[in-house]
């Protein structure tokens, strides 16, 4: 579920940041340029890694 925060930055020239809340997981999506995740347990984080493709260990 997307949280009801305004997309930041509001300026259309920048990549907006959106926040999502799931069961025991908080996600930040920087318009596809980065996804950050915080989970209550390592198992919850593993579940998100399984659901969202990509190289999660890439810096």
N, C-alpha and C. Protein backbone atom coordinates (compact mmCIF):
# COMPACT_ATOMS: atom_id res chain seq x y z
N UNK A 1 0.85 -1.17 0.00
CA UNK A 1 0.00 0.00 0.00
C UNK A 1 0.90 1.24 0.00
N UNK A 2 0.63 2.15 -0.93
CA UNK A 2 1.42 3.38 -0.95
C UNK A 2 0.94 4.29 0.17
N UNK A 3 1.89 4.85 0.90
CA UNK A 3 1.56 5.76 1.99
C UNK A 3 1.16 7.12 1.43
N UNK A 4 0.27 7.81 2.12
CA UNK A 4 -0.27 9.07 1.59
C UNK A 4 0.65 10.27 1.79
N UNK A 5 1.94 10.10 1.50
CA UNK A 5 2.87 11.22 1.54
C UNK A 5 2.95 11.81 0.13
N UNK A 6 3.13 13.11 0.02
CA UNK A 6 3.30 13.67 -1.33
C UNK A 6 4.61 13.18 -1.93
N UNK A 7 4.63 12.99 -3.24
CA UNK A 7 5.86 12.61 -3.92
C UNK A 7 6.86 13.75 -3.74
N UNK A 8 8.06 13.43 -3.30
CA UNK A 8 9.07 14.45 -3.07
C UNK A 8 10.27 14.13 -3.94
N UNK A 9 10.86 15.01 -4.65
CA UNK A 9 10.50 16.42 -4.73
C UNK A 9 9.27 16.62 -5.61
N UNK A 10 8.57 17.69 -5.35
CA UNK A 10 7.34 18.00 -6.06
C UNK A 10 7.64 18.45 -7.49
N UNK A 11 8.78 19.04 -7.69
CA UNK A 11 9.22 19.49 -9.01
C UNK A 11 9.28 18.29 -9.96
N UNK A 12 8.69 18.40 -11.14
CA UNK A 12 8.62 17.29 -12.09
C UNK A 12 9.97 16.95 -12.71
N UNK A 13 10.95 17.81 -12.58
CA UNK A 13 12.26 17.57 -13.18
C UNK A 13 13.08 16.57 -12.38
N UNK A 14 12.74 16.35 -11.15
CA UNK A 14 13.47 15.43 -10.28
C UNK A 14 12.74 14.10 -10.19
N UNK A 15 13.42 13.09 -9.70
CA UNK A 15 12.80 11.78 -9.49
C UNK A 15 12.06 11.80 -8.15
N UNK A 16 10.76 11.54 -8.17
CA UNK A 16 10.01 11.59 -6.91
C UNK A 16 10.30 10.38 -6.02
N UNK A 17 10.20 10.57 -4.73
CA UNK A 17 10.34 9.51 -3.75
C UNK A 17 8.96 9.13 -3.25
N UNK A 18 8.67 7.83 -3.27
CA UNK A 18 7.39 7.33 -2.77
C UNK A 18 7.66 6.30 -1.68
N UNK A 19 6.75 6.20 -0.73
CA UNK A 19 6.88 5.28 0.39
C UNK A 19 5.74 4.27 0.36
N UNK A 20 6.08 3.00 0.68
CA UNK A 20 5.10 1.92 0.70
C UNK A 20 5.22 1.15 2.01
N UNK A 21 4.09 0.66 2.48
CA UNK A 21 4.05 -0.12 3.71
C UNK A 21 3.43 -1.47 3.41
N UNK A 22 4.10 -2.52 3.82
CA UNK A 22 3.58 -3.88 3.69
C UNK A 22 3.61 -4.55 5.04
N UNK A 23 3.30 -5.81 5.06
CA UNK A 23 3.31 -6.55 6.32
C UNK A 23 4.75 -6.61 6.85
N UNK A 24 5.03 -5.86 7.89
CA UNK A 24 6.33 -5.80 8.56
C UNK A 24 7.46 -5.29 7.67
N UNK A 25 7.12 -4.51 6.63
CA UNK A 25 8.13 -3.98 5.71
C UNK A 25 7.79 -2.55 5.33
N UNK A 26 8.81 -1.69 5.28
CA UNK A 26 8.68 -0.32 4.80
C UNK A 26 9.61 -0.18 3.61
N UNK A 27 9.08 0.33 2.48
CA UNK A 27 9.87 0.50 1.26
C UNK A 27 9.90 1.96 0.84
N UNK A 28 11.03 2.37 0.31
CA UNK A 28 11.17 3.69 -0.30
C UNK A 28 11.57 3.47 -1.74
N UNK A 29 10.83 4.03 -2.67
CA UNK A 29 11.09 3.92 -4.10
C UNK A 29 11.46 5.29 -4.62
N UNK A 30 12.69 5.43 -5.08
CA UNK A 30 13.15 6.69 -5.66
C UNK A 30 12.96 6.64 -7.17
N UNK A 31 11.70 6.50 -7.60
CA UNK A 31 11.31 6.49 -9.01
C UNK A 31 12.12 5.50 -9.82
N UNK A 32 12.36 4.34 -9.25
CA UNK A 32 13.06 3.29 -9.98
C UNK A 32 14.57 3.42 -9.98
N UNK A 33 15.11 4.53 -9.50
CA UNK A 33 16.57 4.67 -9.46
C UNK A 33 17.16 3.95 -8.26
N UNK A 34 16.35 3.77 -7.21
CA UNK A 34 16.78 3.03 -6.01
C UNK A 34 15.55 2.58 -5.24
N UNK A 35 15.67 1.42 -4.63
CA UNK A 35 14.63 0.93 -3.72
C UNK A 35 15.32 0.59 -2.42
N UNK A 36 14.84 1.18 -1.34
CA UNK A 36 15.38 0.89 -0.02
C UNK A 36 14.30 0.18 0.78
N UNK A 37 14.71 -0.81 1.57
CA UNK A 37 13.75 -1.59 2.34
C UNK A 37 14.20 -1.73 3.77
N UNK A 38 13.24 -1.65 4.66
CA UNK A 38 13.48 -1.90 6.09
C UNK A 38 12.44 -2.92 6.52
N UNK A 39 12.90 -4.00 7.15
CA UNK A 39 11.99 -5.07 7.54
C UNK A 39 12.15 -5.37 9.02
N UNK A 40 11.10 -5.90 9.60
CA UNK A 40 11.13 -6.24 11.02
C UNK A 40 12.09 -7.40 11.31
N UNK A 41 12.15 -8.37 10.39
CA UNK A 41 13.01 -9.54 10.58
C UNK A 41 13.77 -9.83 9.29
N UNK A 42 14.85 -10.59 9.38
CA UNK A 42 15.55 -11.00 8.16
C UNK A 42 14.66 -11.79 7.21
N UNK A 43 13.75 -12.57 7.75
CA UNK A 43 12.83 -13.35 6.91
C UNK A 43 11.89 -12.44 6.13
N UNK A 44 11.43 -11.36 6.76
CA UNK A 44 10.58 -10.38 6.06
C UNK A 44 11.34 -9.73 4.91
N UNK A 45 12.61 -9.43 5.13
CA UNK A 45 13.43 -8.83 4.07
C UNK A 45 13.66 -9.83 2.94
N UNK A 46 13.88 -11.08 3.28
CA UNK A 46 14.03 -12.12 2.25
C UNK A 46 12.77 -12.23 1.41
N UNK A 47 11.61 -12.10 2.03
CA UNK A 47 10.33 -12.18 1.32
C UNK A 47 10.24 -11.04 0.28
N UNK A 48 10.66 -9.84 0.67
CA UNK A 48 10.64 -8.71 -0.26
C UNK A 48 11.64 -8.92 -1.39
N UNK A 49 12.81 -9.45 -1.07
CA UNK A 49 13.81 -9.73 -2.11
C UNK A 49 13.26 -10.72 -3.13
N UNK A 50 12.47 -11.67 -2.67
CA UNK A 50 11.87 -12.65 -3.58
C UNK A 50 10.80 -12.01 -4.47
N UNK A 51 10.10 -11.00 -3.94
CA UNK A 51 9.00 -10.38 -4.68
C UNK A 51 9.46 -9.31 -5.66
N UNK A 52 10.57 -8.64 -5.35
CA UNK A 52 11.05 -7.55 -6.19
C UNK A 52 12.37 -7.99 -6.82
N UNK A 53 12.40 -8.17 -8.14
CA UNK A 53 13.62 -8.63 -8.80
C UNK A 53 14.72 -7.56 -8.78
N UNK A 54 15.94 -8.02 -8.93
CA UNK A 54 17.06 -7.10 -9.01
C UNK A 54 18.20 -7.57 -8.14
N UNK A 55 19.34 -6.89 -8.30
CA UNK A 55 20.53 -7.21 -7.52
C UNK A 55 20.53 -6.37 -6.26
N UNK A 56 20.07 -6.93 -5.17
CA UNK A 56 19.92 -6.21 -3.90
C UNK A 56 21.26 -5.93 -3.22
N UNK A 57 22.29 -6.58 -3.63
CA UNK A 57 23.59 -6.36 -2.99
C UNK A 57 24.48 -5.40 -3.75
N UNK A 58 23.99 -4.93 -4.91
CA UNK A 58 24.78 -4.00 -5.72
C UNK A 58 24.81 -2.64 -5.04
N UNK A 59 25.99 -2.02 -4.97
CA UNK A 59 26.12 -0.70 -4.35
C UNK A 59 25.95 0.38 -5.39
